[in-house]
Amino acid sequence: MSPGVAGLVGSRGSRKLSVDNRRTIVQALVSAEKHPFIKRTVPRSFEECTRLRIAVIAAGVVGKATGAGLVEKGHNVIFYDVDKTKTNLLALEGYQTAPSIREAVEQSSTTMICAPTPTISGTVNLQILQSICAEVGSSLRGKHPYHLVVVRSTVPPGTTREHVISQIEFSSQKQIGPEIGVCHNPEFLREKFALDDFLHPGAVVIGESDKTAGDQLESLYSSFASPIARFSLETSEMIKYTTNLFNATKVSFFNEIDRACKTVGVKSDEVSRFMPQLALGLRDDLKEWGIYGGRPFAGMCLPKDLEAFISFMKSKGTDLPLLSAVKQVNETVGKEKKAPVVVANA
């Protein structure tokens, strides 16, 4: 199966309640025709799944949740972290640990790298990730059975192909493909509920270097009751960033609305709680409204209401920088090329 897997039957979606934190897990409305890259299958039982030996490198929040979740799914997991405090704690909790990356890789058929990628001086720092990839590659130099390397870290588009693969090929003296596969498998975990989020994802995203690598990683998630979507490495990396950027923008949007509400004496919590029932793109029946780029919004309402509200709040002494940026972006997109516009009249 390549990026572009069909097999998901359209439905009205489903909701189930997570026991650990009573969070509602929504399985979105999807269809094979509209989203051919999504596969939805009946999850296999633990007994039907192939037990894999998996090395988890870097046992922070993401690494520990990933490894612990895979253990719950019946796989054999071995952890490694440069911080011996973490591995000692994992050992006390009954998990298997390794004293080195080499030993972890040698005892596994799949290596999942959960390296931190901190932002330093405004730029993502890949030093830890590249260092791990060098050791993983070196460990694979004399290892002949097929080995899958999975990057769980959040990285800019192009990183897995340009940095991870090139480093592994250099250190292992092998080409990606026949003996080594590489995937990007982003995480969407909340710190306080990381294990629950890992076990009950809204979807599993797989960026694959080739079909064999994607097939192997999909088999790892075969017992999960979530849609599995397969893409190129770069698309997977971009989906992760886009998700985080949207979450940050959403919080900032409602913070800006909160400031506007306080300026005019309106209870912002009432506005924020009720508005999603009406806003296009947040309503359950119009989830895809406005998500396709290259299309400015137009019509009788959106442009004039946006400009009027910004001016109104400015007259009250309140600037709205986010909404002002929305106006600027829309004007820029509208000038770039003639494209279909997104119209909403209310």
Protein backbone atom coordinates (compact mmCIF):
# COMPACT_ATOMS: atom_id res chain seq x y z
CA MET A 1 0.00 0.00 0.00
CA SER A 2 1.44 3.35 -1.05
CA PRO A 3 0.60 6.90 0.04
CA GLY A 4 -2.98 6.97 -1.16
CA VAL A 5 -4.55 3.98 0.53
CA ALA A 6 -8.28 3.48 0.05
CA GLY A 7 -10.62 1.38 2.10
CA LEU A 8 -12.39 3.68 4.51
CA VAL A 9 -16.17 3.45 4.32
CA GLY A 10 -17.98 6.71 4.84
CA SER A 11 -20.07 6.98 7.99
CA ARG A 12 -21.44 9.51 10.37
CA GLY A 13 -18.40 9.00 12.58
CA SER A 14 -18.35 7.78 16.12
CA ARG A 15 -17.55 8.96 19.60
CA LYS A 16 -16.23 7.05 22.55
CA LEU A 17 -15.21 8.14 25.99
CA SER A 18 -11.70 7.61 27.26
CA VAL A 19 -11.78 6.01 30.69
CA ASP A 20 -8.61 7.66 31.95
CA ASN A 21 -9.63 11.31 31.62
CA ARG A 22 -13.18 11.18 30.30
CA ARG A 23 -12.09 12.86 27.10
CA THR A 24 -14.31 12.46 24.06
CA ILE A 25 -12.48 10.84 21.19
CA VAL A 26 -14.00 11.80 17.86
CA GLN A 27 -13.50 9.70 14.78
CA ALA A 28 -14.15 12.21 12.04
CA LEU A 29 -16.42 11.96 9.04
CA VAL A 30 -14.32 10.55 6.26
CA SER A 31 -14.83 8.68 3.03
CA ALA A 32 -12.62 6.68 0.71
CA GLU A 33 -13.61 8.85 -2.25
CA LYS A 34 -12.68 12.16 -0.65
CA HIS A 35 -9.70 10.86 1.33
CA PRO A 36 -8.09 7.97 -0.54
CA PHE A 37 -4.98 8.17 1.66
CA ILE A 38 -6.93 7.00 4.72
CA LYS A 39 -7.43 3.38 5.58
CA ARG A 40 -10.02 2.30 8.13
CA THR A 41 -10.08 -1.35 9.11
CA VAL A 42 -11.45 -3.39 11.97
CA PRO A 43 -8.64 -3.53 14.53
CA ARG A 44 -7.02 -6.90 14.97
CA SER A 45 -6.89 -8.53 18.39
CA PHE A 46 -3.60 -8.83 20.26
CA GLU A 47 -3.51 -12.53 19.40
CA GLU A 48 -3.78 -11.80 15.66
CA CYS A 49 -0.98 -9.24 15.63
CA THR A 50 2.68 -10.01 15.04
CA ARG A 51 4.70 -9.35 18.18
CA LEU A 52 7.53 -7.01 17.27
CA ARG A 53 10.75 -6.19 19.10
CA ILE A 54 10.93 -2.41 19.30
CA ALA A 55 13.66 -0.11 20.56
CA VAL A 56 12.48 3.26 21.86
CA ILE A 57 15.30 5.82 21.86
CA ALA A 58 14.82 8.80 24.19
CA ALA A 59 12.37 8.13 27.01
CA GLY A 60 10.84 11.53 27.62
CA VAL A 61 7.07 12.12 27.62
CA VAL A 62 6.70 10.93 24.01
CA GLY A 63 9.15 8.06 24.26
CA LYS A 64 7.77 6.66 27.49
CA ALA A 65 4.15 6.89 26.28
CA THR A 66 5.09 5.28 22.97
CA GLY A 67 6.96 2.41 24.58
CA ALA A 68 4.47 1.82 27.38
CA GLY A 69 1.59 1.88 24.89
CA LEU A 70 3.28 -0.64 22.62
CA VAL A 71 3.90 -2.92 25.61
CA GLU A 72 0.18 -2.75 26.37
CA LYS A 73 -0.43 -3.78 22.76
CA GLY A 74 1.65 -6.90 23.30
CA HIS A 75 4.95 -5.88 21.72
CA ASN A 76 8.41 -6.38 23.23
CA VAL A 77 9.92 -2.97 23.93
CA ILE A 78 13.39 -1.99 25.08
CA PHE A 79 14.10 1.60 26.16
CA TYR A 80 17.28 3.63 25.93
CA ASP A 81 17.90 7.15 27.19
CA VAL A 82 21.13 9.03 27.81
CA ASP A 83 19.59 10.10 31.15
CA LYS A 84 20.16 7.08 33.39
CA THR A 85 17.63 8.42 35.90
CA LYS A 86 14.89 7.80 33.33
CA THR A 87 16.04 4.31 32.41
CA ASN A 88 16.50 3.36 36.07
CA LEU A 89 12.95 4.48 36.79
CA LEU A 90 11.65 2.53 33.79
CA ALA A 91 13.49 -0.56 35.02
CA LEU A 92 11.91 -0.18 38.46
CA GLU A 93 8.51 0.00 36.73
CA GLY A 94 9.22 -3.34 35.07
CA TYR A 95 10.26 -2.18 31.58
CA GLN A 96 13.28 -3.52 29.74
CA THR A 97 16.14 -1.07 29.24
CA ALA A 98 19.45 -1.09 27.38
CA PRO A 99 22.77 0.50 28.40
CA SER A 100 23.43 1.79 24.86
CA ILE A 101 21.71 2.59 21.58
CA ARG A 102 23.69 -0.19 19.90
CA GLU A 103 22.39 -2.83 22.31
CA ALA A 104 18.80 -1.56 21.96
CA VAL A 105 19.01 -1.61 18.15
CA GLU A 106 20.64 -5.03 18.03
CA GLN A 107 17.80 -6.50 20.08
CA SER A 108 15.04 -5.02 17.89
CA SER A 109 13.57 -5.05 14.40
CA THR A 110 12.13 -1.54 14.70
CA THR A 111 13.71 1.54 16.26
CA MET A 112 11.49 4.47 17.24
CA ILE A 113 13.38 7.72 17.77
CA CYS A 114 11.62 10.15 20.10
CA ALA A 115 14.39 12.74 20.33
CA PRO A 116 13.62 16.25 21.57
CA THR A 117 13.98 18.98 18.96
CA PRO A 118 14.21 22.20 20.98
CA THR A 119 13.95 25.65 19.46
CA ILE A 120 17.10 27.64 20.16
CA SER A 121 17.36 31.29 19.09
CA GLY A 122 14.29 30.82 16.91
CA THR A 123 15.62 27.77 15.05
CA VAL A 124 14.89 24.08 15.55
CA ASN A 125 17.94 22.28 16.92
CA LEU A 126 18.46 18.85 15.33
CA GLN A 127 21.71 18.03 17.08
CA ILE A 128 20.27 15.37 19.42
CA LEU A 129 18.26 13.77 16.62
CA GLN A 130 21.25 13.64 14.28
CA SER A 131 23.48 12.23 17.00
CA ILE A 132 20.98 9.43 17.66
CA CYS A 133 20.64 8.72 13.93
CA ALA A 134 24.42 8.42 13.64
CA GLU A 135 24.51 5.81 16.42
CA VAL A 136 21.49 3.96 15.05
CA GLY A 137 23.07 3.86 11.60
CA SER A 138 26.38 2.64 12.99
CA SER A 139 24.53 -0.10 14.91
CA LEU A 140 22.86 -1.24 11.67
CA ARG A 141 26.12 -1.54 9.71
CA GLY A 142 26.54 -5.24 10.43
CA LYS A 143 22.86 -6.04 10.91
CA HIS A 144 21.40 -7.86 7.92
CA PRO A 145 17.69 -8.52 8.64
CA TYR A 146 15.36 -5.70 7.56
CA HIS A 147 15.19 -2.91 10.14
CA LEU A 148 12.66 -0.08 10.32
CA VAL A 149 13.65 3.31 11.75
CA VAL A 150 10.74 5.53 12.82
CA VAL A 151 11.09 9.21 13.69
CA ARG A 152 8.49 10.42 16.19
CA SER A 153 10.11 13.82 16.69
CA THR A 154 8.55 17.06 15.49
CA VAL A 155 10.74 18.31 12.64
CA PRO A 156 10.37 20.77 9.75
CA PRO A 157 9.36 19.32 6.36
CA GLY A 158 12.34 17.76 4.61
CA THR A 159 14.23 16.86 7.79
CA THR A 160 13.66 13.10 7.69
CA ARG A 161 14.73 12.82 4.06
CA GLU A 162 17.58 15.33 4.10
CA HIS A 163 19.05 14.75 7.57
CA VAL A 164 17.80 11.48 9.07
CA ILE A 165 18.09 9.29 5.96
CA SER A 166 21.39 10.80 4.83
CA GLN A 167 22.88 10.31 8.31
CA ILE A 168 21.67 6.72 8.63
CA GLU A 169 22.94 5.85 5.14
CA PHE A 170 26.32 7.39 5.90
CA SER A 171 26.72 5.70 9.29
CA SER A 172 25.37 2.29 8.22
CA GLN A 173 27.04 2.28 4.80
CA LYS A 174 23.73 1.00 3.43
CA GLN A 175 21.07 2.44 1.15
CA ILE A 176 17.58 3.02 2.47
CA GLY A 177 15.24 0.46 0.91
CA PRO A 178 16.46 -3.13 0.73
CA GLU A 179 17.61 -3.54 4.34
CA ILE A 180 16.55 -0.34 6.10
CA GLY A 181 13.21 1.46 5.99
CA VAL A 182 12.48 4.93 7.36
CA CYS A 183 9.17 6.44 8.40
CA HIS A 184 8.02 9.64 10.07
CA ASN A 185 5.25 8.94 12.58
CA PRO A 186 4.31 12.16 14.39
CA GLU A 187 2.83 12.17 17.87
CA PHE A 188 -0.25 14.11 18.96
CA LEU A 189 0.01 13.71 22.72
CA ARG A 190 -0.94 15.90 25.64
CA GLU A 191 1.64 15.80 28.41
CA LYS A 192 -0.77 14.86 31.20
CA PHE A 193 -2.59 12.21 29.17
CA ALA A 194 0.21 11.00 26.88
CA LEU A 195 -0.36 7.26 27.29
CA ASP A 196 -4.12 7.56 26.80
CA ASP A 197 -3.62 9.74 23.74
CA PHE A 198 -1.15 7.25 22.28
CA LEU A 199 -3.54 4.33 22.75
CA HIS A 200 -6.56 6.23 21.39
CA PRO A 201 -5.31 8.54 18.59
CA GLY A 202 -7.72 10.46 16.41
CA ALA A 203 -5.69 9.05 13.53
CA VAL A 204 -2.32 7.42 12.93
CA VAL A 205 -0.16 9.39 10.49
CA ILE A 206 2.58 7.54 8.61
CA GLY A 207 5.11 9.26 6.38
CA GLU A 208 7.02 6.60 4.47
CA SER A 209 10.28 6.41 2.55
CA ASP A 210 8.83 3.53 0.51
CA LYS A 211 5.97 1.05 0.47
CA THR A 212 7.77 -1.65 2.46
CA ALA A 213 8.53 0.75 5.30
CA GLY A 214 4.94 2.00 5.37
CA ASP A 215 3.56 -1.53 5.35
CA GLN A 216 5.74 -2.52 8.29
CA LEU A 217 4.74 0.48 10.39
CA GLU A 218 1.06 0.04 9.53
CA SER A 219 1.27 -3.54 10.81
CA LEU A 220 2.54 -2.17 14.12
CA TYR A 221 -0.68 -0.18 14.49
CA SER A 222 -2.99 -2.95 13.27
CA SER A 223 -4.60 -3.41 16.69
CA PHE A 224 -5.49 0.29 17.00
CA ALA A 225 -9.11 1.29 16.37
CA SER A 226 -8.12 4.48 14.53
CA PRO A 227 -7.88 5.52 10.88
CA ILE A 228 -4.38 5.08 9.43
CA ALA A 229 -3.24 7.65 6.86
CA ARG A 230 -0.11 7.23 4.77
CA PHE A 231 1.76 10.05 3.07
CA SER A 232 5.19 11.16 1.92
CA LEU A 233 7.74 11.97 4.63
CA GLU A 234 7.36 15.69 4.01
CA THR A 235 3.55 15.65 4.18
CA SER A 236 3.66 13.79 7.49
CA GLU A 237 6.11 16.33 8.93
CA MET A 238 3.91 19.20 7.70
CA ILE A 239 0.74 17.68 9.17
CA LYS A 240 2.37 17.66 12.60
CA TYR A 241 3.48 21.27 12.36
CA THR A 242 0.15 22.39 10.90
CA THR A 243 -1.74 20.75 13.76
CA ASN A 244 0.38 22.50 16.38
CA LEU A 245 0.19 25.82 14.54
CA PHE A 246 -3.60 25.58 14.33
CA ASN A 247 -3.85 24.78 18.03
CA ALA A 248 -1.68 27.79 18.89
CA THR A 249 -3.69 30.05 16.56
CA LYS A 250 -6.99 28.85 18.00
CA VAL A 251 -5.90 29.67 21.55
CA SER A 252 -4.68 33.08 20.45
CA PHE A 253 -7.91 33.75 18.53
CA PHE A 254 -10.05 33.14 21.59
CA ASN A 255 -7.65 35.16 23.75
CA GLU A 256 -8.12 38.06 21.34
CA ILE A 257 -11.90 37.62 21.43
CA ASP A 258 -11.69 37.57 25.24
CA ARG A 259 -9.94 40.95 25.17
CA ALA A 260 -12.57 42.33 22.79
CA CYS A 261 -15.41 41.03 24.96
CA LYS A 262 -13.96 42.59 28.08
CA THR A 263 -13.62 45.90 26.25
CA VAL A 264 -17.37 45.98 25.49
CA GLY A 265 -18.59 44.32 28.69
CA VAL A 266 -19.58 40.95 27.23
CA LYS A 267 -19.05 37.59 28.95
CA SER A 268 -16.44 35.96 26.75
CA ASP A 269 -17.01 32.45 28.11
CA GLU A 270 -20.61 32.52 26.87
CA VAL A 271 -19.48 33.68 23.42
CA SER A 272 -16.68 31.12 23.18
CA ARG A 273 -18.79 28.18 24.31
CA PHE A 274 -21.69 28.82 21.93
CA MET A 275 -19.93 30.17 18.83
CA PRO A 276 -18.50 26.78 17.66
CA GLN A 277 -22.06 25.54 17.09
CA LEU A 278 -22.45 28.17 14.38
CA ALA A 279 -19.02 28.86 12.91
CA LEU A 280 -18.36 27.24 9.54
CA GLY A 281 -15.48 24.81 9.88
CA LEU A 282 -16.26 24.08 13.53
CA ARG A 283 -19.77 22.76 12.99
CA ASP A 284 -19.86 18.95 12.75
CA ASP A 285 -21.51 19.05 9.32
CA LEU A 286 -18.99 21.43 7.72
CA LYS A 287 -15.61 20.26 9.00
CA GLU A 288 -13.84 20.91 5.69
CA TRP A 289 -15.12 24.43 5.12
CA GLY A 290 -12.23 26.81 4.52
CA ILE A 291 -9.39 24.28 4.90
CA TYR A 292 -8.15 24.38 1.29
CA GLY A 293 -5.51 27.02 0.70
CA GLY A 294 -5.06 29.51 -2.10
CA ARG A 295 -8.64 30.75 -1.79
CA PRO A 296 -9.38 34.13 -0.21
CA PHE A 297 -12.67 34.63 1.58
CA ALA A 298 -15.14 37.01 -0.01
CA GLY A 299 -18.85 37.74 -0.16
CA MET A 300 -21.07 40.36 1.41
CA CYS A 301 -20.17 39.63 5.06
CA LEU A 302 -16.73 38.36 5.94
CA PRO A 303 -14.52 41.14 4.48
CA LYS A 304 -16.74 44.02 5.63
CA ASP A 305 -17.42 42.59 9.10
CA LEU A 306 -13.74 41.89 9.71
CA GLU A 307 -12.69 45.41 8.74
CA ALA A 308 -15.55 47.00 10.68
CA PHE A 309 -14.86 45.05 13.87
CA ILE A 310 -11.14 45.86 13.80
CA SER A 311 -11.96 49.56 13.40
CA PHE A 312 -14.67 49.43 16.07
CA MET A 313 -12.36 47.88 18.66
CA LYS A 314 -9.59 50.31 17.76
CA SER A 315 -11.98 53.18 18.49
CA LYS A 316 -12.43 51.61 21.94
CA GLY A 317 -8.67 51.52 22.49
CA THR A 318 -8.19 47.80 21.79
CA ASP A 319 -5.95 46.58 19.00
CA LEU A 320 -6.62 43.17 17.45
CA PRO A 321 -3.27 42.07 15.94
CA LEU A 322 -4.38 38.55 15.02
CA LEU A 323 -7.52 39.66 13.19
CA SER A 324 -5.53 42.44 11.53
CA ALA A 325 -3.13 39.76 10.28
CA VAL A 326 -6.12 37.75 9.00
CA LYS A 327 -7.18 40.77 6.93
CA GLN A 328 -3.66 41.21 5.57
CA VAL A 329 -3.28 37.53 4.62
CA ASN A 330 -6.63 37.52 2.84
CA GLU A 331 -5.71 40.60 0.83
CA THR A 332 -2.35 39.07 -0.10
CA VAL A 333 -3.87 35.78 -1.26
CA GLY A 334 -6.49 37.67 -3.24
CA LYS A 335 -3.76 39.56 -5.14
CA GLU A 336 -1.54 36.56 -5.84
CA LYS A 337 -3.72 34.92 -8.46
CA LYS A 338 -7.25 34.50 -9.61
CA ALA A 339 -8.59 31.62 -7.53
CA PRO A 340 -12.00 30.41 -6.41
CA VAL A 341 -13.10 32.41 -3.42
CA VAL A 342 -14.60 31.12 -0.19
CA VAL A 343 -17.95 32.84 0.26
CA ALA A 344 -19.99 33.00 3.43
CA ASN A 345 -22.97 35.34 3.58
CA ALA A 346 -24.80 35.73 6.83
